[in-house]
Amino acid sequence: MKVSVTFTAEAIEKVEIVEHTETAGIADPAIAGIPGENAAKK
């Protein structure tokens, strides 16, 4: 899995999934939740 992370000195601003080879349909909910989980933890 390749991700793109945007951050400042104080916090992680954004996490985007750039590329993955996970099984479609099975991993989709987890992959879709990664950026939101990061934002919730700020």
Protein backbone atom coordinates (compact mmCIF):
# COMPACT_ATOMS: atom_id res chain seq x y z
CA MET A 1 0.00 0.00 0.00
CA LYS A 2 1.33 3.43 -0.93
CA VAL A 3 0.09 6.43 0.98
CA SER A 4 0.57 10.15 0.68
CA VAL A 5 0.83 12.03 3.96
CA THR A 6 0.61 15.79 4.35
CA PHE A 7 1.82 17.14 7.69
CA THR A 8 2.99 20.20 9.53
CA ALA A 9 5.30 20.46 12.51
CA GLU A 10 2.26 20.14 14.78
CA ALA A 11 0.06 17.49 13.16
CA ILE A 12 -0.70 15.09 10.36
CA GLU A 13 -3.04 17.03 8.08
CA LYS A 14 -4.10 14.46 5.49
CA VAL A 15 -3.59 10.80 4.65
CA GLU A 16 -4.49 9.52 1.18
CA ILE A 17 -4.27 5.99 -0.17
CA VAL A 18 -2.39 6.36 -3.46
CA GLU A 19 -2.15 2.72 -4.51
CA HIS A 20 -3.00 -0.70 -3.12
CA THR A 21 -3.23 -4.29 -4.26
CA GLU A 22 -5.67 -5.51 -1.63
CA THR A 23 -8.68 -7.64 -2.56
CA ALA A 24 -11.47 -5.42 -3.87
CA GLY A 25 -14.64 -5.63 -1.82
CA ILE A 26 -12.90 -7.09 1.22
CA ALA A 27 -10.37 -4.38 1.98
CA ASP A 28 -12.40 -1.43 0.64
CA PRO A 29 -14.13 -0.52 3.94
CA ALA A 30 -10.84 -0.56 5.85
CA ILE A 31 -9.02 1.43 3.19
CA ALA A 32 -11.82 3.99 3.01
CA GLY A 33 -11.66 4.43 6.80
CA ILE A 34 -7.94 5.10 7.11
CA PRO A 35 -8.04 8.86 6.33
CA GLY A 36 -11.09 9.40 8.55
CA GLU A 37 -9.57 7.52 11.46
CA ASN A 38 -6.51 9.75 11.25
CA ALA A 39 -8.62 12.92 11.25
CA ALA A 40 -10.59 11.71 14.28
CA LYS A 41 -7.38 11.24 16.27
CA LYS A 42 -6.06 14.77 15.70
